[in-house]
C-alpha atoms as a PDB file:
ATOM      1  CA  THR A   1     -13.398 -10.052   5.774  1.00  0.00           C
ATOM      2  CA  GLN A   2     -14.503  -6.999   3.806  1.00  0.00           C
ATOM      3  CA  ASP A   3     -12.815  -5.361   0.848  1.00  0.00           C
ATOM      4  CA  PHE A   4     -12.717  -1.597   1.343  1.00  0.00           C
ATOM      5  CA  GLY A   5     -10.371  -0.555  -1.458  1.00  0.00           C
ATOM      6  CA  ASP A   6      -8.086  -1.226  -4.364  1.00  0.00           C
ATOM      7  CA  GLY A   7      -4.345  -0.821  -4.700  1.00  0.00           C
ATOM      8  CA  THR A   8      -1.719  -0.777  -7.425  1.00  0.00           C
ATOM      9  CA  ALA A   9       2.020  -1.113  -6.976  1.00  0.00           C
ATOM     10  CA  TYR A  10       4.933  -0.713  -9.378  1.00  0.00           C
ATOM     11  CA  PHE A  11       8.575  -1.477  -8.629  1.00  0.00           C
ATOM     12  CA  GLY A  12      11.714  -1.107 -10.686  1.00  0.00           C
ATOM     13  CA  GLY A  13      15.429  -1.046 -10.153  1.00  0.00           C
ATOM     14  CA  PHE A  14      18.862  -1.067 -11.711  1.00  0.00           C
ATOM     15  CA  ASN A  15      22.205  -2.122 -10.294  1.00  0.00           C
ATOM     16  CA  ALA A  16      25.701  -2.435 -11.696  1.00  0.00           C
ATOM     17  CA  ARG A  17      29.169  -3.346 -10.512  1.00  0.00           C
ATOM     18  CA  ALA A  18      32.662  -3.113 -11.931  1.00  0.00           C
ATOM     19  CA  PHE A  19      36.092  -4.286 -10.761  1.00  0.00           C
ATOM     20  CA  PHE A  20      39.419  -2.670 -11.600  1.00  0.00           C
ATOM     21  CA  GLU A  21      42.589  -4.690 -11.111  1.00  0.00           C
ATOM     22  CA  VAL A  22      45.298  -3.098  -8.985  1.00  0.00           C
ATOM     23  CA  THR A  23      47.497  -6.174  -8.534  1.00  0.00           C
ATOM     24  CA  PRO A  24      46.892  -9.831  -9.466  1.00  0.00           C
ATOM     25  CA  ARG A  25      45.325 -10.337  -6.023  1.00  0.00           C
ATOM     26  CA  ILE A  26      43.699  -6.940  -5.330  1.00  0.00           C
ATOM     27  CA  ASP A  27      40.799  -5.334  -7.183  1.00  0.00           C
ATOM     28  CA  ILE A  28      38.869  -2.138  -6.513  1.00  0.00           C
ATOM     29  CA  GLY A  29      35.156  -2.708  -6.752  1.00  0.00           C
ATOM     30  CA  VAL A  30      32.569  -0.026  -7.561  1.00  0.00           C
ATOM     31  CA  LEU A  31      28.873  -0.753  -7.085  1.00  0.00           C
ATOM     32  CA  GLY A  32      25.770   1.325  -7.696  1.00  0.00           C
ATOM     33  CA  ASP A  33      22.025   0.812  -7.607  1.00  0.00           C
ATOM     34  CA  PHE A  34      18.875   2.815  -8.133  1.00  0.00           C
ATOM     35  CA  GLY A  35      15.287   1.858  -7.377  1.00  0.00           C
ATOM     36  CA  VAL A  36      11.810   3.333  -7.569  1.00  0.00           C
ATOM     37  CA  ALA A  37       8.520   2.171  -6.085  1.00  0.00           C
ATOM     38  CA  ASP A  38       5.061   3.611  -6.622  1.00  0.00           C
ATOM     39  CA  TYR A  39       2.050   2.491  -4.605  1.00  0.00           C
ATOM     40  CA  ALA A  40      -1.496   3.855  -4.853  1.00  0.00           C
ATOM     41  CA  GLN A  41      -4.495   2.789  -2.783  1.00  0.00           C
ATOM     42  CA  THR A  42      -8.105   3.829  -3.088  1.00  0.00           C
ATOM     43  CA  ASP A  43     -10.480   3.710  -0.128  1.00  0.00           C
ATOM     44  CA  ARG A  44     -13.954   3.219  -1.602  1.00  0.00           C
ATOM     45  CA  GLN A  45     -15.704   4.133   1.638  1.00  0.00           C
ATOM     46  CA  LEU A  46     -13.915   7.456   2.003  1.00  0.00           C
ATOM     47  CA  GLU A  47     -13.680   7.920  -1.772  1.00  0.00           C
ATOM     48  CA  GLN A  48     -10.062   8.923  -1.362  1.00  0.00           C
ATOM     49  CA  THR A  49      -6.859   7.818  -3.054  1.00  0.00           C
ATOM     50  CA  TRP A  50      -3.434   8.217  -1.515  1.00  0.00           C
ATOM     51  CA  ARG A  51      -0.109   7.582  -3.212  1.00  0.00           C
ATOM     52  CA  ARG A  52       3.372   6.729  -1.958  1.00  0.00           C
ATOM     53  CA  ARG A  53       6.463   7.162  -4.146  1.00  0.00           C
ATOM     54  CA  THR A  54       9.928   6.092  -3.041  1.00  0.00           C
ATOM     55  CA  PHE A  55      13.269   6.672  -4.752  1.00  0.00           C
ATOM     56  CA  THR A  56      16.453   4.961  -3.506  1.00  0.00           C
ATOM     57  CA  GLY A  57      20.041   5.116  -4.650  1.00  0.00           C
ATOM     58  CA  SER A  58      23.427   4.072  -3.322  1.00  0.00           C
ATOM     59  CA  LEU A  59      27.093   3.956  -4.279  1.00  0.00           C
ATOM     60  CA  ALA A  60      29.820   1.770  -2.818  1.00  0.00           C
ATOM     61  CA  ALA A  61      33.535   1.319  -3.433  1.00  0.00           C
ATOM     62  CA  GLY A  62      36.352  -0.635  -1.836  1.00  0.00           C
ATOM     63  CA  PRO A  63      38.997  -3.338  -2.200  1.00  0.00           C
ATOM     64  CA  ARG A  64      38.499  -7.021  -2.926  1.00  0.00           C
ATOM     65  CA  VAL A  65      41.477  -9.159  -1.862  1.00  0.00           C
ATOM     66  CA  ARG A  66      42.271 -12.771  -2.754  1.00  0.00           C
ATOM     67  CA  LEU A  67      44.041 -14.668   0.017  1.00  0.00           C
ATOM     68  CA  GLY A  68      45.699 -17.705  -1.474  1.00  0.00           C
ATOM     69  CA  GLU A  69      43.469 -19.929  -3.589  1.00  0.00           C
ATOM     70  CA  SER A  70      40.704 -20.493  -1.047  1.00  0.00           C
ATOM     71  CA  ALA A  71      39.635 -17.125   0.402  1.00  0.00           C
ATOM     72  CA  LEU A  72      38.244 -13.847  -0.848  1.00  0.00           C
ATOM     73  CA  LEU A  73      37.683 -10.764   1.341  1.00  0.00           C
ATOM     74  CA  ALA A  74      35.954  -7.509   0.439  1.00  0.00           C
ATOM     75  CA  ALA A  75      35.280  -4.205   2.206  1.00  0.00           C
ATOM     76  CA  TYR A  76      33.117  -1.393   0.881  1.00  0.00           C
ATOM     77  CA  LEU A  77      32.270   2.114   2.039  1.00  0.00           C
ATOM     78  CA  THR A  78      28.755   3.109   1.038  1.00  0.00           C
ATOM     79  CA  LEU A  79      26.695   6.263   0.563  1.00  0.00           C
ATOM     80  CA  GLY A  80      22.944   6.094   0.174  1.00  0.00           C
ATOM     81  CA  LEU A  81      19.853   8.243  -0.214  1.00  0.00           C
ATOM     82  CA  ALA A  82      16.183   7.282   0.075  1.00  0.00           C
ATOM     83  CA  ARG A  83      13.280   9.679  -0.311  1.00  0.00           C
ATOM     84  CA  THR A  84       9.573   8.957   0.072  1.00  0.00           C
ATOM     85  CA  ASN A  85       6.676  11.236  -0.803  1.00  0.00           C
ATOM     86  CA  VAL A  86       3.232  10.409   0.591  1.00  0.00           C
ATOM     87  CA  LYS A  87       0.346  12.258  -1.065  1.00  0.00           C
ATOM     88  CA  PRO A  88      -2.874  11.885   0.937  1.00  0.00           C
ATOM     89  CA  GLY A  89      -5.194  12.602  -2.026  1.00  0.00           C
ATOM     90  CA  GLU A  90      -5.030  12.702  -5.807  1.00  0.00           C
ATOM     91  CA  GLU A  91      -6.524  16.198  -5.834  1.00  0.00           C
ATOM     92  CA  ASP A  92      -4.223  17.429  -3.075  1.00  0.00           C
ATOM     93  CA  ASP A  93      -2.263  20.537  -4.116  1.00  0.00           C
ATOM     94  CA  GLY A  94       0.849  19.406  -2.229  1.00  0.00           C
ATOM     95  CA  ASP A  95       0.326  21.299   1.024  1.00  0.00           C
ATOM     96  CA  ASP A  96      -0.437  18.067   2.921  1.00  0.00           C
ATOM     97  CA  ASP A  97       2.338  15.959   1.407  1.00  0.00           C
ATOM     98  CA  ILE A  98       4.593  14.043   3.799  1.00  0.00           C
ATOM     99  CA  PHE A  99       8.289  13.801   2.871  1.00  0.00           C
ATOM    100  CA  ASP A 100      10.574  11.211   4.447  1.00  0.00           C
ATOM    101  CA  THR A 101      14.306  11.279   3.669  1.00  0.00           C
ATOM    102  CA  THR A 102      17.172   9.077   4.848  1.00  0.00           C
ATOM    103  CA  MET A 103      20.800   9.762   3.955  1.00  0.00           C
ATOM    104  CA  THR A 104      23.310   7.038   4.808  1.00  0.00           C
ATOM    105  CA  ALA A 105      26.832   8.385   5.295  1.00  0.00           C
ATOM    106  CA  PRO A 106      28.837   6.403   5.832  1.00  0.00           C
ATOM    107  CA  GLY A 107      28.069   2.716   5.686  1.00  0.00           C
ATOM    108  CA  LEU A 108      30.511  -0.184   5.802  1.00  0.00           C
ATOM    109  CA  HIS A 109      30.108  -3.643   4.288  1.00  0.00           C
ATOM    110  CA  LEU A 110      32.529  -6.476   5.064  1.00  0.00           C
ATOM    111  CA  ALA A 111      32.268  -9.863   3.365  1.00  0.00           C
ATOM    112  CA  GLY A 112      34.299 -13.020   3.009  1.00  0.00           C
ATOM    113  CA  GLU A 113      34.105 -16.193   0.946  1.00  0.00           C
ATOM    114  CA  PHE A 114      36.011 -19.329   1.937  1.00  0.00           C
ATOM    115  CA  ARG A 115      36.304 -22.487  -0.148  1.00  0.00           C
ATOM    116  CA  VAL A 116      35.997 -25.447   2.206  1.00  0.00           C
ATOM    117  CA  PHE A 117      36.132 -28.081  -0.526  1.00  0.00           C
ATOM    118  CA  GLU A 118      36.380 -27.875  -4.289  1.00  0.00           C
ATOM    119  CA  TRP A 119      32.586 -27.855  -4.460  1.00  0.00           C
ATOM    120  CA  LEU A 120      31.613 -26.129  -1.160  1.00  0.00           C
ATOM    121  CA  TYR A 121      31.890 -22.440  -0.242  1.00  0.00           C
ATOM    122  CA  PHE A 122      31.104 -20.681   3.031  1.00  0.00           C
ATOM    123  CA  ARG A 123      30.229 -16.980   3.004  1.00  0.00           C
ATOM    124  CA  ALA A 124      29.769 -14.475   5.816  1.00  0.00           C
ATOM    125  CA  GLY A 125      29.477 -10.729   6.136  1.00  0.00           C
ATOM    126  CA  MET A 126      28.352  -7.816   8.250  1.00  0.00           C
ATOM    127  CA  THR A 127      27.075  -4.325   7.603  1.00  0.00           C
ATOM    128  CA  GLY A 128      26.945  -1.177   9.672  1.00  0.00           C
ATOM    129  CA  SER A 129      25.765   2.307   8.813  1.00  0.00           C
ATOM    130  CA  TYR A 130      25.076   5.725  10.250  1.00  0.00           C
ATOM    131  CA  ALA A 131      22.289   7.801   8.795  1.00  0.00           C
ATOM    132  CA  VAL A 132      20.434  11.079   9.075  1.00  0.00           C
ATOM    133  CA  HIS A 133      16.668  10.674   8.879  1.00  0.00           C
ATOM    134  CA  TRP A 134      14.238  13.552   8.712  1.00  0.00           C
ATOM    135  CA  THR A 135      10.520  13.791   8.101  1.00  0.00           C
ATOM    136  CA  THR A 136       8.450  16.792   7.049  1.00  0.00           C
ATOM    137  CA  ASP A 137       4.843  16.331   8.126  1.00  0.00           C
ATOM    138  CA  PRO A 138       2.316  19.218   7.946  1.00  0.00           C
ATOM    139  CA  THR A 139       0.565  17.977  11.104  1.00  0.00           C
ATOM    140  CA  ARG A 140       3.651  17.073  13.176  1.00  0.00           C
ATOM    141  CA  GLY A 141       6.255  19.470  11.859  1.00  0.00           C
ATOM    142  CA  GLU A 142       9.836  18.473  11.089  1.00  0.00           C
ATOM    143  CA  LEU A 143      11.399  15.526  12.895  1.00  0.00           C
ATOM    144  CA  THR A 144      15.061  14.484  12.745  1.00  0.00           C
ATOM    145  CA  ASP A 145      16.877  11.472  14.173  1.00  0.00           C
ATOM    146  CA  TYR A 146      20.190   9.695  13.638  1.00  0.00           C
ATOM    147  CA  PRO A 147      19.682   5.916  13.350  1.00  0.00           C
ATOM    148  CA  TYR A 148      22.470   3.348  13.441  1.00  0.00           C
ATOM    149  CA  ASP A 149      22.013  -0.015  11.782  1.00  0.00           C
ATOM    150  CA  PHE A 150      24.044  -3.213  12.177  1.00  0.00           C
ATOM    151  CA  GLY A 151      23.507  -6.637  10.712  1.00  0.00           C
ATOM    152  CA  TRP A 152      25.350  -9.812   9.842  1.00  0.00           C
ATOM    153  CA  HIS A 153      24.659 -12.804   7.673  1.00  0.00           C
ATOM    154  CA  ALA A 154      26.104 -16.111   6.518  1.00  0.00           C
ATOM    155  CA  GLY A 155      25.428 -18.726   3.888  1.00  0.00           C
ATOM    156  CA  VAL A 156      26.791 -21.560   1.776  1.00  0.00           C
ATOM    157  CA  GLY A 157      27.300 -22.196  -1.916  1.00  0.00           C
ATOM    158  CA  PHE A 158      27.660 -25.403  -3.889  1.00  0.00           C
ATOM    159  CA  GLN A 159      29.378 -25.707  -7.265  1.00  0.00           C
ATOM    160  CA  ILE A 160      29.103 -29.092  -8.968  1.00  0.00           C
ATOM    161  CA  GLY A 161      30.051 -29.031 -12.611  1.00  0.00           C
ATOM    162  CA  ASP A 162      27.883 -26.450 -14.376  1.00  0.00           C
ATOM    163  CA  PHE A 163      25.309 -26.371 -11.550  1.00  0.00           C
ATOM    164  CA  SER A 164      25.533 -23.873  -8.681  1.00  0.00           C
ATOM    165  CA  PHE A 165      23.392 -23.318  -5.597  1.00  0.00           C
ATOM    166  CA  ASP A 166      23.598 -20.419  -3.136  1.00  0.00           C
ATOM    167  CA  GLY A 167      21.681 -19.955   0.089  1.00  0.00           C
ATOM    168  CA  ALA A 168      21.689 -17.277   2.789  1.00  0.00           C
ATOM    169  CA  PHE A 169      20.841 -18.506   6.288  1.00  0.00           C
ATOM    170  CA  THR A 170      18.086 -16.798   8.260  1.00  0.00           C
ATOM    171  CA  GLY A 171      19.118 -14.808  11.306  1.00  0.00           C
ATOM    172  CA  SER A 172      16.988 -16.962  13.589  1.00  0.00           C
ATOM    173  CA  PHE A 173      18.684 -20.104  12.274  1.00  0.00           C
ATOM    174  CA  LEU A 174      22.087 -18.677  13.205  1.00  0.00           C
ATOM    175  CA  THR A 175      21.029 -17.583  16.704  1.00  0.00           C
ATOM    176  CA  ASN A 176      18.350 -20.126  17.727  1.00  0.00           C
ATOM    177  CA  GLY A 177      19.150 -23.252  15.754  1.00  0.00           C
ATOM    178  CA  PRO A 178      17.384 -25.032  12.891  1.00  0.00           C
ATOM    179  CA  ALA A 179      13.839 -26.301  12.820  1.00  0.00           C
ATOM    180  CA  PHE A 180      14.958 -29.921  12.549  1.00  0.00           C
ATOM    181  CA  LEU A 181      16.504 -29.579  16.034  1.00  0.00           C
ATOM    182  CA  GLY A 182      13.226 -28.411  17.548  1.00  0.00           C
ATOM    183  CA  GLN A 183      13.578 -24.679  17.005  1.00  0.00           C
ATOM    184  CA  PRO A 184      11.008 -22.784  14.886  1.00  0.00           C
ATOM    185  CA  SER A 185      13.638 -21.441  12.492  1.00  0.00           C
ATOM    186  CA  PRO A 186      13.674 -21.960   8.721  1.00  0.00           C
ATOM    187  CA  LEU A 187      17.085 -22.715   7.241  1.00  0.00           C
ATOM    188  CA  TYR A 188      17.354 -20.268   4.349  1.00  0.00           C
ATOM    189  CA  ALA A 189      16.207 -16.699   3.898  1.00  0.00           C
ATOM    190  CA  ILE A 190      17.101 -16.540   0.184  1.00  0.00           C
ATOM    191  CA  VAL A 191      18.153 -19.276  -2.218  1.00  0.00           C
ATOM    192  CA  SER A 192      19.221 -19.217  -5.848  1.00  0.00           C
ATOM    193  CA  ALA A 193      20.259 -21.862  -8.346  1.00  0.00           C
ATOM    194  CA  ALA A 194      21.861 -21.627 -11.760  1.00  0.00           C
ATOM    195  CA  TYR A 195      23.014 -23.933 -14.521  1.00  0.00           C
ATOM    196  CA  GLN A 196      25.388 -23.038 -17.346  1.00  0.00           C
ATOM    197  CA  TRP A 197      25.482 -24.963 -20.582  1.00  0.00           C
ATOM    198  CA  GLY A 198      27.382 -24.617 -23.783  1.00  0.00           C
ATOM    199  CA  ARG A 199      30.529 -23.577 -21.907  1.00  0.00           C
ATOM    200  CA  GLU A 200      33.791 -24.745 -23.435  1.00  0.00           C
END
């Protein structure tokens, strides 16, 4: 292989959530997040540097309901905005910039958590969203489309004393079966573990 260039990437983000009690079993949740990504790549053969900057933000709100002592359900309506600016050259005056914008309105998130045993939790959820996506490209003009996105997920959590483990299953595991049954599907897409100490 040959190395034709160099690249630098920076990522950052912030998210927050708050819950406001309506009744002992119903809360209203409010969630927000903001992210920024900056990526620059230099092609040494062409002696050209291009840069991509992306800003994302979303807000969500909805009820969280406790059903008995073993189930928790939540539903959120979401609004989101993502904007990307691609600059083909550092010395470009902006006339050749490409702008890509996606506005999600509305989106819906549904999620549930069910306690199977004192130490075992099962979680599942699905998301759906409508969006308006438009691109401004000096060479192709303005393009607009209206994408729809749908997805679902599931996972398990373990709580043993002060130790907790959470894992989200991969989509292929849920539809094709696990690798240990002969299917080429890893079990988890994301895992996390935590331990708390010093708790009274």
